[in-house]
Amino acid sequence: MKARWPKEASPATLPASGNPVWFTHQLFPSFPGFYMEEASGGCALCADGIDYTNHSNTLPSCLPCMTCKSGEEEKNRCTPTKDTECQCKPGTFRGEDAPEFCQKCSTGCPDGKVMVTHCNPWSNIKCVDQESGTLAHGEAPVPGEPGQPKGDHSSHD
């Protein structure tokens, strides 16, 4: 059952007394987590895990919670004030070149390169040139990262 507020008012914050502070809708819209119920003109609460509103609004209903796509997992569940947050499942990442879907992580670096960053939900592995210590796309590696070349590789016996 949805919580309902009088037609002329909606709750703001609870003061120290614990009693709601009421505002008329002629001046203020419904708060995040609520929507403007058309029949009564009052605010009604969004359903946890089903729908939400994340800003003050005069919407006639809450927005439906997003469902994670295939290849994604739920990072944070939907609440009355926040939509579902999804991220790529382990072993996949969301690349800048194709942010619509998760791509499979590379399994290793090409010959002559060493891995400095493992795959995570936001980026693929990063590799550096084994001899010069520069990333494959020209960036300098972060000092102390795993896989960074150690010592002087310029002299050979």
Protein backbone atom coordinates (compact mmCIF):
# COMPACT_ATOMS: atom_id res chain seq x y z
CA MET A 1 0.00 0.00 0.00
CA LYS A 2 1.33 3.41 -0.96
CA ALA A 3 1.66 6.21 1.60
CA ARG A 4 -0.56 9.17 0.74
CA TRP A 5 -0.43 12.80 1.82
CA PRO A 6 -3.33 15.26 1.99
CA LYS A 7 -4.31 16.93 -1.30
CA GLU A 8 -3.13 20.34 -0.17
CA ALA A 9 0.21 19.27 1.27
CA SER A 10 3.26 17.02 1.06
CA PRO A 11 5.86 16.22 3.72
CA ALA A 12 9.17 18.03 3.74
CA THR A 13 11.72 17.15 6.37
CA LEU A 14 10.96 15.96 9.85
CA PRO A 15 11.97 18.55 12.44
CA ALA A 16 13.32 17.52 15.84
CA SER A 17 9.71 17.14 17.07
CA GLY A 18 9.23 14.28 14.57
CA ASN A 19 6.13 15.91 13.08
CA PRO A 20 6.07 16.43 9.29
CA VAL A 21 6.33 19.92 7.86
CA TRP A 22 3.63 20.41 5.19
CA PHE A 23 3.76 22.51 2.02
CA THR A 24 0.93 23.18 -0.41
CA HIS A 25 1.36 21.85 -3.94
CA GLN A 26 0.61 25.25 -5.39
CA LEU A 27 4.14 26.14 -4.25
CA PHE A 28 6.05 22.83 -4.06
CA PRO A 29 6.09 19.61 -6.15
CA SER A 30 6.39 16.10 -4.73
CA PHE A 31 9.76 15.21 -3.22
CA PRO A 32 12.17 12.55 -4.54
CA GLY A 33 10.70 9.09 -3.90
CA PHE A 34 7.15 10.40 -4.42
CA TYR A 35 4.92 11.31 -7.38
CA MET A 36 1.86 13.53 -7.81
CA GLU A 37 -1.21 11.33 -7.55
CA GLU A 38 -3.74 12.66 -10.06
CA ALA A 39 -6.91 11.50 -8.30
CA SER A 40 -6.15 13.19 -4.99
CA GLY A 41 -3.62 15.79 -6.11
CA GLY A 42 -1.42 14.65 -3.22
CA CYS A 43 1.91 12.87 -3.22
CA ALA A 44 2.18 9.07 -3.20
CA LEU A 45 5.29 7.03 -2.38
CA CYS A 46 7.13 5.08 -5.08
CA ALA A 47 7.35 1.30 -4.50
CA ASP A 48 10.76 0.07 -3.28
CA GLY A 49 12.43 -2.08 -5.95
CA ILE A 50 9.73 -1.30 -8.54
CA ASP A 51 9.79 2.41 -9.34
CA TYR A 52 11.46 5.68 -8.29
CA THR A 53 11.79 9.46 -8.70
CA ASN A 54 15.16 11.08 -7.98
CA HIS A 55 14.14 14.76 -8.12
CA SER A 56 11.29 16.91 -6.86
CA ASN A 57 8.57 16.49 -9.46
CA THR A 58 4.96 16.75 -10.59
CA LEU A 59 5.02 13.41 -12.44
CA PRO A 60 1.72 11.47 -12.60
CA SER A 61 3.60 8.25 -11.69
CA CYS A 62 7.04 7.06 -10.60
CA LEU A 63 9.59 5.96 -13.20
CA PRO A 64 10.07 2.18 -13.62
CA CYS A 65 13.30 0.74 -12.23
CA MET A 66 15.86 -0.29 -14.83
CA THR A 67 16.59 -4.00 -15.25
CA CYS A 68 20.22 -4.91 -15.86
CA LYS A 69 20.99 -6.21 -19.36
CA SER A 70 22.43 -9.59 -20.22
CA GLY A 71 26.13 -9.50 -19.32
CA GLU A 72 25.55 -7.06 -16.47
CA GLU A 73 25.01 -7.49 -12.75
CA GLU A 74 23.23 -5.29 -10.23
CA LYS A 75 25.67 -3.00 -8.40
CA ASN A 76 22.98 -1.15 -6.38
CA ARG A 77 19.31 -2.04 -6.20
CA CYS A 78 16.51 0.36 -7.05
CA THR A 79 15.04 2.39 -4.18
CA PRO A 80 12.18 4.94 -4.19
CA THR A 81 14.76 7.73 -4.75
CA LYS A 82 17.40 6.03 -6.95
CA ASP A 83 17.31 3.85 -10.09
CA THR A 84 19.09 0.49 -10.33
CA GLU A 85 22.84 0.72 -10.99
CA CYS A 86 24.32 -1.98 -13.21
CA GLN A 87 27.91 -2.90 -14.04
CA CYS A 88 29.59 -5.44 -16.27
CA LYS A 89 30.02 -8.95 -14.87
CA PRO A 90 33.54 -10.15 -13.94
CA GLY A 91 35.64 -10.85 -17.02
CA THR A 92 33.91 -8.11 -19.02
CA PHE A 93 34.12 -4.32 -19.24
CA ARG A 94 32.24 -1.36 -20.68
CA GLY A 95 34.54 0.30 -23.21
CA GLU A 96 34.50 3.97 -24.18
CA ASP A 97 34.17 2.95 -27.84
CA ALA A 98 30.99 0.86 -27.21
CA PRO A 99 29.39 1.83 -23.86
CA GLU A 100 26.06 0.19 -24.75
CA PHE A 101 27.23 -3.32 -23.88
CA CYS A 102 29.89 -5.26 -21.99
CA GLN A 103 32.88 -6.58 -23.92
CA LYS A 104 35.00 -9.59 -23.03
CA CYS A 105 38.32 -8.71 -21.35
CA SER A 106 41.59 -9.46 -23.14
CA THR A 107 43.33 -12.47 -21.63
CA GLY A 108 46.87 -11.19 -21.95
CA CYS A 109 49.24 -8.71 -23.51
CA PRO A 110 50.89 -9.01 -26.91
CA ASP A 111 54.51 -10.19 -27.13
CA GLY A 112 56.93 -7.63 -25.74
CA LYS A 113 54.27 -6.07 -23.47
CA VAL A 114 53.50 -6.56 -19.77
CA MET A 115 50.20 -6.00 -17.97
CA VAL A 116 50.05 -3.00 -15.60
CA THR A 117 46.29 -2.90 -14.95
CA HIS A 118 43.88 -5.82 -14.73
CA CYS A 119 40.48 -5.80 -16.37
CA ASN A 120 37.64 -4.29 -14.32
CA PRO A 121 33.99 -3.41 -15.13
CA TRP A 122 35.11 -0.02 -16.52
CA SER A 123 38.19 -0.86 -18.60
CA ASN A 124 40.11 -3.64 -20.32
CA ILE A 125 43.62 -4.69 -19.26
CA LYS A 126 46.37 -2.15 -19.86
CA CYS A 127 49.74 -3.23 -21.22
CA VAL A 128 53.11 -1.46 -21.37
CA ASP A 129 56.12 -1.97 -23.58
CA GLN A 130 58.36 -4.36 -21.65
CA GLU A 131 61.56 -2.45 -22.51
CA SER A 132 60.58 1.22 -22.41
CA GLY A 133 57.88 1.02 -19.73
CA THR A 134 55.35 3.08 -21.70
CA LEU A 135 51.75 2.04 -22.17
CA ALA A 136 50.81 0.56 -25.54
CA HIS A 137 48.85 3.77 -26.30
CA GLY A 138 51.64 6.13 -25.16
CA GLU A 139 50.83 6.85 -21.50
CA ALA A 140 53.46 6.45 -18.82
CA PRO A 141 52.65 3.67 -16.30
CA VAL A 142 51.79 4.46 -12.69
CA PRO A 143 54.88 3.89 -10.49
CA GLY A 144 54.64 0.79 -8.33
CA GLU A 145 51.89 -0.84 -10.41
CA PRO A 146 52.27 -4.60 -10.95
CA GLY A 147 53.99 -5.54 -14.18
CA GLN A 148 56.01 -2.32 -14.44
CA PRO A 149 59.50 -3.04 -15.74
CA LYS A 150 62.07 -3.02 -12.98
CA GLY A 151 65.73 -2.04 -13.21
CA ASP A 152 67.71 -0.94 -16.22
CA HIS A 153 66.87 -3.00 -19.30
CA SER A 154 69.16 -1.00 -21.61
CA SER A 155 72.31 -3.09 -21.01
CA HIS A 156 72.47 -6.68 -22.15
CA ASP A 157 75.28 -9.19 -21.38
